[in-house]
Amino acid sequence: MKRRLVRPVQQLLRGRVYGQDHDDPRQGPQSGRTYVELVGGPLDGLPLDITGWRPDEIDTGDALQTDLGQFGLGGRAMYDPRPGARSHWDWSGDTP
């Protein structure tokens, strides 16, 4: 079995929810909240808290701010709900 090397940035993000501060003591998912998993792109594997989002917001996905994408500081990574598996959002590219 071939081992996959994890980039240092991915190691820092492991276990965190997208958007939480790095020094937040509650970095992982919390009970009673609703999450989707981000798949692919710079935020691969992170959960996104969609608690309180309206159905139309969930159906359209989002462009999530990240410094890790193609456009660096201030850039955004675009994620869309996966048809048939709404608990996973797939990366569709980066935008400035």
N, C-alpha and C. Protein backbone atom coordinates (compact mmCIF):
# COMPACT_ATOMS: atom_id res chain seq x y z
N MET A 1 0.85 -1.18 0.00
CA MET A 1 0.00 0.00 0.00
C MET A 1 0.89 1.24 0.00
N LYS A 2 0.62 2.16 -0.89
CA LYS A 2 1.39 3.38 -1.01
C LYS A 2 0.88 4.42 -0.02
N ARG A 3 1.79 5.05 0.70
CA ARG A 3 1.40 6.08 1.67
C ARG A 3 1.27 7.41 0.98
N ARG A 4 0.27 8.15 1.36
CA ARG A 4 0.04 9.48 0.81
C ARG A 4 0.68 10.50 1.74
N LEU A 5 1.50 11.37 1.19
CA LEU A 5 2.11 12.42 2.00
C LEU A 5 1.11 13.55 2.18
N VAL A 6 1.00 14.03 3.39
CA VAL A 6 0.09 15.12 3.69
C VAL A 6 0.88 16.41 3.78
N ARG A 7 0.46 17.40 3.04
CA ARG A 7 1.14 18.68 3.08
C ARG A 7 1.00 19.31 4.47
N PRO A 8 1.99 20.10 4.90
CA PRO A 8 1.94 20.71 6.23
C PRO A 8 0.67 21.52 6.48
N VAL A 9 0.18 22.26 5.48
CA VAL A 9 -1.03 23.06 5.67
C VAL A 9 -2.22 22.14 5.94
N GLN A 10 -2.31 21.03 5.23
CA GLN A 10 -3.40 20.10 5.45
C GLN A 10 -3.35 19.52 6.84
N GLN A 11 -2.14 19.32 7.37
CA GLN A 11 -2.01 18.81 8.73
C GLN A 11 -2.57 19.82 9.73
N LEU A 12 -2.33 21.11 9.49
CA LEU A 12 -2.84 22.14 10.38
C LEU A 12 -4.36 22.21 10.36
N LEU A 13 -4.96 21.94 9.19
CA LEU A 13 -6.41 22.04 9.04
C LEU A 13 -7.15 20.81 9.54
N ARG A 14 -6.46 19.67 9.62
CA ARG A 14 -7.10 18.42 10.00
C ARG A 14 -7.83 18.58 11.34
N GLY A 15 -9.09 18.16 11.39
CA GLY A 15 -9.87 18.21 12.61
C GLY A 15 -10.60 19.52 12.83
N ARG A 16 -10.35 20.51 11.98
CA ARG A 16 -11.00 21.81 12.12
C ARG A 16 -12.21 21.91 11.22
N VAL A 17 -13.11 22.78 11.59
CA VAL A 17 -14.26 23.12 10.77
C VAL A 17 -13.91 24.39 10.00
N TYR A 18 -14.27 24.43 8.71
CA TYR A 18 -13.99 25.62 7.90
C TYR A 18 -14.51 26.87 8.60
N GLY A 19 -13.68 27.89 8.65
CA GLY A 19 -14.09 29.18 9.20
C GLY A 19 -13.78 29.38 10.67
N GLN A 20 -13.43 28.34 11.39
CA GLN A 20 -13.10 28.51 12.81
C GLN A 20 -11.67 29.01 12.94
N ASP A 21 -11.44 29.86 13.93
CA ASP A 21 -10.10 30.37 14.20
C ASP A 21 -9.19 29.24 14.65
N HIS A 22 -7.92 29.36 14.32
CA HIS A 22 -6.96 28.32 14.68
C HIS A 22 -6.78 28.17 16.18
N ASP A 23 -7.12 29.21 16.94
CA ASP A 23 -6.96 29.13 18.39
C ASP A 23 -8.29 28.90 19.13
N ASP A 24 -9.35 28.63 18.38
CA ASP A 24 -10.64 28.33 18.99
C ASP A 24 -10.56 26.97 19.68
N PRO A 25 -10.89 26.89 20.95
CA PRO A 25 -10.81 25.61 21.65
C PRO A 25 -11.81 24.57 21.13
N ARG A 26 -12.83 25.00 20.41
CA ARG A 26 -13.83 24.08 19.85
C ARG A 26 -13.63 23.97 18.35
N GLN A 27 -12.48 23.50 17.91
CA GLN A 27 -12.14 23.47 16.50
C GLN A 27 -12.86 22.39 15.71
N GLY A 28 -13.26 21.32 16.34
CA GLY A 28 -13.91 20.22 15.63
C GLY A 28 -15.41 20.41 15.55
N PRO A 29 -16.07 19.51 14.82
CA PRO A 29 -17.53 19.55 14.72
C PRO A 29 -18.19 19.43 16.10
N GLN A 30 -19.31 20.12 16.27
CA GLN A 30 -20.04 20.14 17.53
C GLN A 30 -21.38 19.43 17.35
N SER A 31 -21.83 18.74 18.38
CA SER A 31 -23.12 18.07 18.31
C SER A 31 -24.23 19.10 18.16
N GLY A 32 -25.29 18.69 17.48
CA GLY A 32 -26.43 19.58 17.28
C GLY A 32 -26.27 20.53 16.10
N ARG A 33 -25.18 20.43 15.37
CA ARG A 33 -24.94 21.29 14.21
C ARG A 33 -25.00 20.42 12.94
N THR A 34 -25.21 21.05 11.80
CA THR A 34 -25.29 20.35 10.53
C THR A 34 -24.08 20.72 9.68
N TYR A 35 -23.41 19.70 9.15
CA TYR A 35 -22.19 19.91 8.38
C TYR A 35 -22.28 19.21 7.03
N VAL A 36 -21.54 19.76 6.06
CA VAL A 36 -21.27 19.07 4.81
C VAL A 36 -19.75 18.95 4.71
N GLU A 37 -19.29 17.92 3.98
CA GLU A 37 -17.85 17.73 3.80
C GLU A 37 -17.42 18.35 2.48
N LEU A 38 -16.37 19.15 2.53
CA LEU A 38 -15.80 19.76 1.33
C LEU A 38 -14.86 18.74 0.69
N VAL A 39 -15.05 18.52 -0.63
CA VAL A 39 -14.30 17.48 -1.32
C VAL A 39 -13.51 18.10 -2.47
N GLY A 40 -12.20 17.86 -2.47
CA GLY A 40 -11.33 18.38 -3.52
C GLY A 40 -10.92 19.82 -3.24
N GLY A 41 -10.00 20.30 -4.04
CA GLY A 41 -9.56 21.68 -3.92
C GLY A 41 -8.80 21.97 -2.64
N PRO A 42 -8.60 23.25 -2.34
CA PRO A 42 -7.76 23.63 -1.21
C PRO A 42 -8.36 23.34 0.16
N LEU A 43 -9.65 23.12 0.24
CA LEU A 43 -10.31 22.88 1.54
C LEU A 43 -10.75 21.42 1.69
N ASP A 44 -10.16 20.55 0.89
CA ASP A 44 -10.53 19.14 0.88
C ASP A 44 -10.54 18.53 2.27
N GLY A 45 -11.64 17.87 2.60
CA GLY A 45 -11.76 17.16 3.86
C GLY A 45 -12.30 17.97 5.02
N LEU A 46 -12.40 19.28 4.86
CA LEU A 46 -12.92 20.10 5.97
C LEU A 46 -14.44 20.03 6.01
N PRO A 47 -15.01 19.98 7.21
CA PRO A 47 -16.45 20.12 7.33
C PRO A 47 -16.83 21.60 7.26
N LEU A 48 -17.96 21.89 6.69
CA LEU A 48 -18.51 23.24 6.62
C LEU A 48 -19.82 23.24 7.40
N ASP A 49 -19.94 24.12 8.37
CA ASP A 49 -21.13 24.22 9.20
C ASP A 49 -22.21 24.97 8.43
N ILE A 50 -23.30 24.28 8.10
CA ILE A 50 -24.41 24.91 7.37
C ILE A 50 -25.64 25.07 8.26
N THR A 51 -25.46 24.96 9.55
CA THR A 51 -26.57 25.13 10.50
C THR A 51 -27.19 26.51 10.28
N GLY A 52 -28.49 26.55 10.11
CA GLY A 52 -29.19 27.82 9.94
C GLY A 52 -29.23 28.34 8.52
N TRP A 53 -28.56 27.68 7.59
CA TRP A 53 -28.62 28.10 6.19
C TRP A 53 -30.00 27.78 5.63
N ARG A 54 -30.51 28.65 4.76
CA ARG A 54 -31.77 28.40 4.07
C ARG A 54 -31.56 27.34 2.99
N PRO A 55 -32.61 26.58 2.64
CA PRO A 55 -32.47 25.55 1.60
C PRO A 55 -31.90 26.09 0.29
N ASP A 56 -32.30 27.30 -0.13
CA ASP A 56 -31.78 27.84 -1.38
C ASP A 56 -30.28 28.15 -1.28
N GLU A 57 -29.79 28.51 -0.11
CA GLU A 57 -28.35 28.73 0.09
C GLU A 57 -27.58 27.41 0.00
N ILE A 58 -28.16 26.37 0.57
CA ILE A 58 -27.53 25.05 0.54
C ILE A 58 -27.53 24.50 -0.89
N ASP A 59 -28.61 24.71 -1.61
CA ASP A 59 -28.73 24.17 -2.97
C ASP A 59 -27.76 24.81 -3.96
N THR A 60 -27.34 26.04 -3.70
CA THR A 60 -26.48 26.74 -4.66
C THR A 60 -24.99 26.64 -4.32
N GLY A 61 -24.63 26.11 -3.16
CA GLY A 61 -23.23 26.03 -2.79
C GLY A 61 -22.70 27.40 -2.40
N ASP A 62 -21.36 27.53 -2.39
CA ASP A 62 -20.78 28.79 -1.94
C ASP A 62 -19.35 28.94 -2.44
N ALA A 63 -18.89 30.17 -2.50
CA ALA A 63 -17.49 30.48 -2.79
C ALA A 63 -16.87 30.84 -1.44
N LEU A 64 -16.02 29.97 -0.94
CA LEU A 64 -15.48 30.10 0.42
C LEU A 64 -14.11 30.76 0.41
N GLN A 65 -13.94 31.78 1.21
CA GLN A 65 -12.68 32.50 1.27
C GLN A 65 -11.56 31.59 1.78
N THR A 66 -10.44 31.63 1.06
CA THR A 66 -9.27 30.85 1.46
C THR A 66 -8.00 31.44 0.86
N ASP A 67 -6.94 31.41 1.63
CA ASP A 67 -5.63 31.84 1.15
C ASP A 67 -4.90 30.69 0.47
N LEU A 68 -5.47 29.49 0.50
CA LEU A 68 -4.79 28.29 0.02
C LEU A 68 -5.05 28.01 -1.45
N GLY A 69 -5.95 28.74 -2.08
CA GLY A 69 -6.30 28.47 -3.48
C GLY A 69 -5.37 29.14 -4.47
N GLN A 70 -5.73 29.07 -5.71
CA GLN A 70 -4.94 29.60 -6.82
C GLN A 70 -4.66 31.09 -6.69
N PHE A 71 -5.58 31.84 -6.08
CA PHE A 71 -5.46 33.29 -6.05
C PHE A 71 -4.91 33.83 -4.73
N GLY A 72 -4.55 32.93 -3.82
CA GLY A 72 -3.91 33.35 -2.57
C GLY A 72 -4.82 34.22 -1.70
N LEU A 73 -4.20 35.15 -0.99
CA LEU A 73 -4.90 36.01 -0.05
C LEU A 73 -6.12 36.68 -0.68
N GLY A 74 -7.28 36.45 -0.09
CA GLY A 74 -8.51 37.04 -0.58
C GLY A 74 -9.22 36.22 -1.65
N GLY A 75 -8.60 35.14 -2.11
CA GLY A 75 -9.24 34.28 -3.11
C GLY A 75 -10.34 33.44 -2.50
N ARG A 76 -11.09 32.80 -3.37
CA ARG A 76 -12.19 31.95 -2.92
C ARG A 76 -12.15 30.62 -3.67
N ALA A 77 -12.57 29.58 -2.97
CA ALA A 77 -12.71 28.26 -3.57
C ALA A 77 -14.21 27.98 -3.70
N MET A 78 -14.64 27.58 -4.88
CA MET A 78 -16.06 27.36 -5.14
C MET A 78 -16.42 25.89 -4.89
N TYR A 79 -17.47 25.69 -4.10
CA TYR A 79 -17.95 24.34 -3.78
C TYR A 79 -19.44 24.27 -4.04
N ASP A 80 -19.85 23.15 -4.65
CA ASP A 80 -21.26 22.93 -5.00
C ASP A 80 -21.74 21.61 -4.44
N PRO A 81 -23.02 21.53 -4.02
CA PRO A 81 -23.55 20.26 -3.52
C PRO A 81 -23.45 19.17 -4.57
N ARG A 82 -23.08 17.98 -4.14
CA ARG A 82 -22.97 16.84 -5.04
C ARG A 82 -24.36 16.27 -5.29
N PRO A 83 -24.78 16.14 -6.54
CA PRO A 83 -26.09 15.54 -6.83
C PRO A 83 -26.16 14.13 -6.25
N GLY A 84 -27.22 13.87 -5.51
CA GLY A 84 -27.42 12.55 -4.93
C GLY A 84 -26.68 12.31 -3.63
N ALA A 85 -25.82 13.22 -3.23
CA ALA A 85 -25.07 13.09 -1.97
C ALA A 85 -24.88 14.48 -1.38
N ARG A 86 -25.96 15.08 -0.93
CA ARG A 86 -25.96 16.47 -0.50
C ARG A 86 -25.07 16.75 0.71
N SER A 87 -24.57 15.71 1.37
CA SER A 87 -23.69 15.93 2.51
C SER A 87 -22.24 16.14 2.06
N HIS A 88 -22.01 16.11 0.75
CA HIS A 88 -20.69 16.36 0.19
C HIS A 88 -20.78 17.49 -0.82
N TRP A 89 -19.88 18.45 -0.70
CA TRP A 89 -19.80 19.54 -1.66
C TRP A 89 -18.50 19.42 -2.41
N ASP A 90 -18.58 19.40 -3.74
CA ASP A 90 -17.42 19.22 -4.59
C ASP A 90 -16.85 20.56 -5.05
N TRP A 91 -15.52 20.61 -5.08
CA TRP A 91 -14.80 21.80 -5.53
C TRP A 91 -14.98 21.94 -7.03
N SER A 92 -15.27 23.17 -7.49
CA SER A 92 -15.43 23.40 -8.92
C SER A 92 -14.44 24.43 -9.46
N GLY A 93 -13.54 24.91 -8.62
CA GLY A 93 -12.51 25.85 -9.08
C GLY A 93 -12.29 26.97 -8.09
N ASP A 94 -11.34 27.83 -8.42
CA ASP A 94 -11.02 28.99 -7.58
C ASP A 94 -11.39 30.26 -8.31
N THR A 95 -11.61 31.31 -7.57
CA THR A 95 -11.96 32.60 -8.12
C THR A 95 -11.29 33.70 -7.29
N PRO A 96 -10.94 34.82 -7.91
CA PRO A 96 -10.31 35.90 -7.13
C PRO A 96 -11.25 36.54 -6.13
